[in-house]
Amino acid sequence: NKAASGFFSNIIREPLVGMEAVLPVKESVVHTHATPRSAVGFLIHGAGLTREQLGPRINLAMPGVCCTVGEQIESLRRIAGDKVISRIRREPDELIIKIVSGWSERIDAKRALQLGFKAENSFDDIVRIHIEDELGGKIAA
């Protein structure tokens, strides 16, 4: 995955299936996450809202779990163990660091939450849901 944001999911997805993942940024980088399950829920819930409910501003920032890359890794460790974590290789990439440093770290999803949109409550939830939905509940040894 050549997308600058790809590492956020790669450092979870690849180690769980026995593959190495590259972490190109510091563990202090903050990002907001939601699962594909939540994304589908956002679309379904949004389709049921009226223009009147949305008001004059129809764009919304969706909710998610805001955490550091280090917190992501610790969630993965709690759920999958040290062997899985050992598959994450730290390899700074100045281009990705520069790109990511220009992104917003926190998302204000207050309006979306008021309209009933829901996401996961913790990054542990995100890891568990990925294992359930994408890996059939199995982690590579």
C-alpha atoms as a PDB file:
ATOM      1  CA  ASN A   1       0.000   0.000   0.000  1.00  0.00           C
ATOM      2  CA  LYS A   2       1.655   3.244  -1.146  1.00  0.00           C
ATOM      3  CA  ALA A   3      -0.892   5.558   0.505  1.00  0.00           C
ATOM      4  CA  ALA A   4       0.743   7.782   3.126  1.00  0.00           C
ATOM      5  CA  SER A   5      -1.925   6.683   5.622  1.00  0.00           C
ATOM      6  CA  GLY A   6      -1.578   2.975   4.845  1.00  0.00           C
ATOM      7  CA  PHE A   7       0.682   2.254   7.807  1.00  0.00           C
ATOM      8  CA  PHE A   8      -2.123   3.014  10.297  1.00  0.00           C
ATOM      9  CA  SER A   9      -3.919  -0.158   9.225  1.00  0.00           C
ATOM     10  CA  ASN A  10      -0.852  -2.074   8.001  1.00  0.00           C
ATOM     11  CA  ILE A  11       0.694  -2.179  11.495  1.00  0.00           C
ATOM     12  CA  ILE A  12      -2.423  -3.986  12.701  1.00  0.00           C
ATOM     13  CA  ARG A  13      -3.441  -6.032   9.670  1.00  0.00           C
ATOM     14  CA  GLU A  14      -0.113  -7.485   8.502  1.00  0.00           C
ATOM     15  CA  PRO A  15       1.272  -8.693  11.860  1.00  0.00           C
ATOM     16  CA  LEU A  16      -2.009 -10.492  12.588  1.00  0.00           C
ATOM     17  CA  VAL A  17      -1.569 -12.633   9.451  1.00  0.00           C
ATOM     18  CA  GLY A  18       2.117 -13.356  10.054  1.00  0.00           C
ATOM     19  CA  MET A  19       3.570 -10.621   7.837  1.00  0.00           C
ATOM     20  CA  GLU A  20       5.990  -7.832   8.674  1.00  0.00           C
ATOM     21  CA  ALA A  21       4.704  -4.249   8.684  1.00  0.00           C
ATOM     22  CA  VAL A  22       6.747  -1.058   8.429  1.00  0.00           C
ATOM     23  CA  LEU A  23       6.075   1.813  10.826  1.00  0.00           C
ATOM     24  CA  PRO A  24       7.392   4.975   9.113  1.00  0.00           C
ATOM     25  CA  VAL A  25       6.464   7.524  11.829  1.00  0.00           C
ATOM     26  CA  LYS A  26       6.982   8.029  15.560  1.00  0.00           C
ATOM     27  CA  GLU A  27       4.659   6.270  17.984  1.00  0.00           C
ATOM     28  CA  SER A  28       3.491   9.690  19.218  1.00  0.00           C
ATOM     29  CA  VAL A  29       1.574  10.394  15.970  1.00  0.00           C
ATOM     30  CA  VAL A  30      -2.156  10.791  16.689  1.00  0.00           C
ATOM     31  CA  HIS A  31      -4.948   9.663  14.358  1.00  0.00           C
ATOM     32  CA  THR A  32      -8.676   8.911  14.535  1.00  0.00           C
ATOM     33  CA  HIS A  33      -9.830   5.434  13.495  1.00  0.00           C
ATOM     34  CA  ALA A  34     -13.038   3.519  12.816  1.00  0.00           C
ATOM     35  CA  THR A  35     -13.623   0.044  11.416  1.00  0.00           C
ATOM     36  CA  PRO A  36     -15.133  -0.825   8.043  1.00  0.00           C
ATOM     37  CA  ARG A  37     -18.057  -2.134  10.110  1.00  0.00           C
ATOM     38  CA  SER A  38     -18.581   1.380  11.475  1.00  0.00           C
ATOM     39  CA  ALA A  39     -18.134   2.934   8.023  1.00  0.00           C
ATOM     40  CA  VAL A  40     -20.955   0.759   6.690  1.00  0.00           C
ATOM     41  CA  GLY A  41     -23.020   1.750   9.714  1.00  0.00           C
ATOM     42  CA  PHE A  42     -22.329   5.426   8.973  1.00  0.00           C
ATOM     43  CA  LEU A  43     -23.645   5.019   5.424  1.00  0.00           C
ATOM     44  CA  ILE A  44     -26.750   3.132   6.508  1.00  0.00           C
ATOM     45  CA  HIS A  45     -27.514   5.563   9.327  1.00  0.00           C
ATOM     46  CA  GLY A  46     -26.844   8.594   7.112  1.00  0.00           C
ATOM     47  CA  ALA A  47     -29.181   7.280   4.420  1.00  0.00           C
ATOM     48  CA  GLY A  48     -31.990   7.388   6.952  1.00  0.00           C
ATOM     49  CA  LEU A  49     -31.498  11.025   7.908  1.00  0.00           C
ATOM     50  CA  THR A  50     -33.575  13.789   6.388  1.00  0.00           C
ATOM     51  CA  ARG A  51     -32.234  17.058   5.050  1.00  0.00           C
ATOM     52  CA  GLU A  52     -34.145  18.745   7.849  1.00  0.00           C
ATOM     53  CA  GLN A  53     -32.275  16.696  10.472  1.00  0.00           C
ATOM     54  CA  LEU A  54     -28.942  17.604   8.892  1.00  0.00           C
ATOM     55  CA  GLY A  55     -29.676  21.317   8.756  1.00  0.00           C
ATOM     56  CA  PRO A  56     -27.865  23.780   6.492  1.00  0.00           C
ATOM     57  CA  ARG A  57     -24.476  22.032   6.850  1.00  0.00           C
ATOM     58  CA  ILE A  58     -24.830  18.573   5.365  1.00  0.00           C
ATOM     59  CA  ASN A  59     -21.178  17.567   5.721  1.00  0.00           C
ATOM     60  CA  LEU A  60     -20.274  15.686   8.882  1.00  0.00           C
ATOM     61  CA  ALA A  61     -17.083  14.415  10.476  1.00  0.00           C
ATOM     62  CA  MET A  62     -17.702  10.843  11.569  1.00  0.00           C
ATOM     63  CA  PRO A  63     -16.784   9.639  15.070  1.00  0.00           C
ATOM     64  CA  GLY A  64     -13.901   7.318  15.770  1.00  0.00           C
ATOM     65  CA  VAL A  65     -11.256   6.350  18.282  1.00  0.00           C
ATOM     66  CA  CYS A  66      -8.506   8.955  18.623  1.00  0.00           C
ATOM     67  CA  CYS A  67      -5.191   7.486  19.763  1.00  0.00           C
ATOM     68  CA  THR A  68      -1.459   7.501  19.176  1.00  0.00           C
ATOM     69  CA  VAL A  69       0.308   4.929  17.038  1.00  0.00           C
ATOM     70  CA  GLY A  70       1.880   3.690  20.284  1.00  0.00           C
ATOM     71  CA  GLU A  71      -1.595   3.149  21.756  1.00  0.00           C
ATOM     72  CA  GLN A  72      -2.564   1.225  18.618  1.00  0.00           C
ATOM     73  CA  ILE A  73       0.440  -1.041  19.090  1.00  0.00           C
ATOM     74  CA  GLU A  74      -0.318  -1.561  22.789  1.00  0.00           C
ATOM     75  CA  SER A  75      -3.897  -2.561  21.914  1.00  0.00           C
ATOM     76  CA  LEU A  76      -2.528  -5.067  19.431  1.00  0.00           C
ATOM     77  CA  ARG A  77      -0.141  -6.383  22.112  1.00  0.00           C
ATOM     78  CA  ARG A  78      -2.965  -6.829  24.650  1.00  0.00           C
ATOM     79  CA  ILE A  79      -5.081  -8.764  22.180  1.00  0.00           C
ATOM     80  CA  ALA A  80      -2.542 -10.664  20.073  1.00  0.00           C
ATOM     81  CA  GLY A  81       0.672 -10.776  22.121  1.00  0.00           C
ATOM     82  CA  ASP A  82       4.335  -9.900  21.807  1.00  0.00           C
ATOM     83  CA  LYS A  83       5.068 -12.246  18.890  1.00  0.00           C
ATOM     84  CA  VAL A  84       2.603 -10.338  16.703  1.00  0.00           C
ATOM     85  CA  ILE A  85       4.085  -6.998  17.808  1.00  0.00           C
ATOM     86  CA  SER A  86       7.582  -8.204  16.908  1.00  0.00           C
ATOM     87  CA  ARG A  87       6.499  -8.118  13.246  1.00  0.00           C
ATOM     88  CA  ILE A  88       6.353  -4.290  13.293  1.00  0.00           C
ATOM     89  CA  ARG A  89       9.599  -2.817  11.962  1.00  0.00           C
ATOM     90  CA  ARG A  90      10.360   0.823  12.718  1.00  0.00           C
ATOM     91  CA  GLU A  91      11.743   2.465   9.595  1.00  0.00           C
ATOM     92  CA  PRO A  92      11.351   6.268   9.506  1.00  0.00           C
ATOM     93  CA  ASP A  93      10.271   7.669   6.141  1.00  0.00           C
ATOM     94  CA  GLU A  94      10.798  11.426   5.916  1.00  0.00           C
ATOM     95  CA  LEU A  95       8.251  11.897   3.127  1.00  0.00           C
ATOM     96  CA  ILE A  96       5.484  10.137   5.063  1.00  0.00           C
ATOM     97  CA  ILE A  97       6.467  11.945   8.270  1.00  0.00           C
ATOM     98  CA  LYS A  98       6.159  15.277   6.437  1.00  0.00           C
ATOM     99  CA  ILE A  99       2.786  14.391   4.887  1.00  0.00           C
ATOM    100  CA  VAL A 100       1.286  13.068   8.134  1.00  0.00           C
ATOM    101  CA  SER A 101       2.524  16.064  10.145  1.00  0.00           C
ATOM    102  CA  GLY A 102       0.163  18.276   8.117  1.00  0.00           C
ATOM    103  CA  TRP A 103      -2.966  16.290   8.962  1.00  0.00           C
ATOM    104  CA  SER A 104      -5.480  17.119  11.679  1.00  0.00           C
ATOM    105  CA  GLU A 105      -4.958  14.906  14.685  1.00  0.00           C
ATOM    106  CA  ARG A 106      -8.389  15.137  16.259  1.00  0.00           C
ATOM    107  CA  ILE A 107     -11.810  15.155  14.685  1.00  0.00           C
ATOM    108  CA  ASP A 108     -14.773  17.005  16.161  1.00  0.00           C
ATOM    109  CA  ALA A 109     -17.635  14.610  15.539  1.00  0.00           C
ATOM    110  CA  LYS A 110     -20.078  16.284  17.941  1.00  0.00           C
ATOM    111  CA  ARG A 111     -22.752  16.872  15.281  1.00  0.00           C
ATOM    112  CA  ALA A 112     -22.506  13.306  13.981  1.00  0.00           C
ATOM    113  CA  LEU A 113     -22.784  11.911  17.507  1.00  0.00           C
ATOM    114  CA  GLN A 114     -25.823  14.118  18.167  1.00  0.00           C
ATOM    115  CA  LEU A 115     -27.399  12.681  15.004  1.00  0.00           C
ATOM    116  CA  GLY A 116     -26.863   9.136  16.277  1.00  0.00           C
ATOM    117  CA  PHE A 117     -23.730   8.029  14.408  1.00  0.00           C
ATOM    118  CA  LYS A 118     -21.691   5.531  16.448  1.00  0.00           C
ATOM    119  CA  ALA A 119     -18.189   4.104  16.243  1.00  0.00           C
ATOM    120  CA  GLU A 120     -16.088   1.857  18.438  1.00  0.00           C
ATOM    121  CA  ASN A 121     -15.290   2.864  22.026  1.00  0.00           C
ATOM    122  CA  SER A 122     -11.616   1.836  22.100  1.00  0.00           C
ATOM    123  CA  PHE A 123      -8.803   0.742  19.840  1.00  0.00           C
ATOM    124  CA  ASP A 124      -9.006  -2.681  21.508  1.00  0.00           C
ATOM    125  CA  ASP A 125     -12.529  -2.883  20.040  1.00  0.00           C
ATOM    126  CA  ILE A 126     -11.137  -2.006  16.602  1.00  0.00           C
ATOM    127  CA  VAL A 127      -8.525  -4.787  16.776  1.00  0.00           C
ATOM    128  CA  ARG A 128     -11.090  -7.347  17.980  1.00  0.00           C
ATOM    129  CA  ILE A 129     -13.560  -6.410  15.246  1.00  0.00           C
ATOM    130  CA  HIS A 130     -10.842  -6.685  12.587  1.00  0.00           C
ATOM    131  CA  ILE A 131      -9.971 -10.176  13.833  1.00  0.00           C
ATOM    132  CA  GLU A 132     -13.658 -11.185  13.822  1.00  0.00           C
ATOM    133  CA  ASP A 133     -14.658  -9.625  10.500  1.00  0.00           C
ATOM    134  CA  GLU A 134     -11.528 -10.081   8.395  1.00  0.00           C
ATOM    135  CA  LEU A 135      -9.686 -13.056   9.901  1.00  0.00           C
ATOM    136  CA  GLY A 136     -12.519 -15.330  10.981  1.00  0.00           C
ATOM    137  CA  GLY A 137     -11.406 -14.927  14.590  1.00  0.00           C
ATOM    138  CA  LYS A 138      -7.920 -16.382  13.943  1.00  0.00           C
ATOM    139  CA  ILE A 139      -4.488 -14.827  14.479  1.00  0.00           C
ATOM    140  CA  ALA A 140      -1.312 -16.137  12.789  1.00  0.00           C
ATOM    141  CA  ALA A 141       1.070 -17.898  15.177  1.00  0.00           C
END
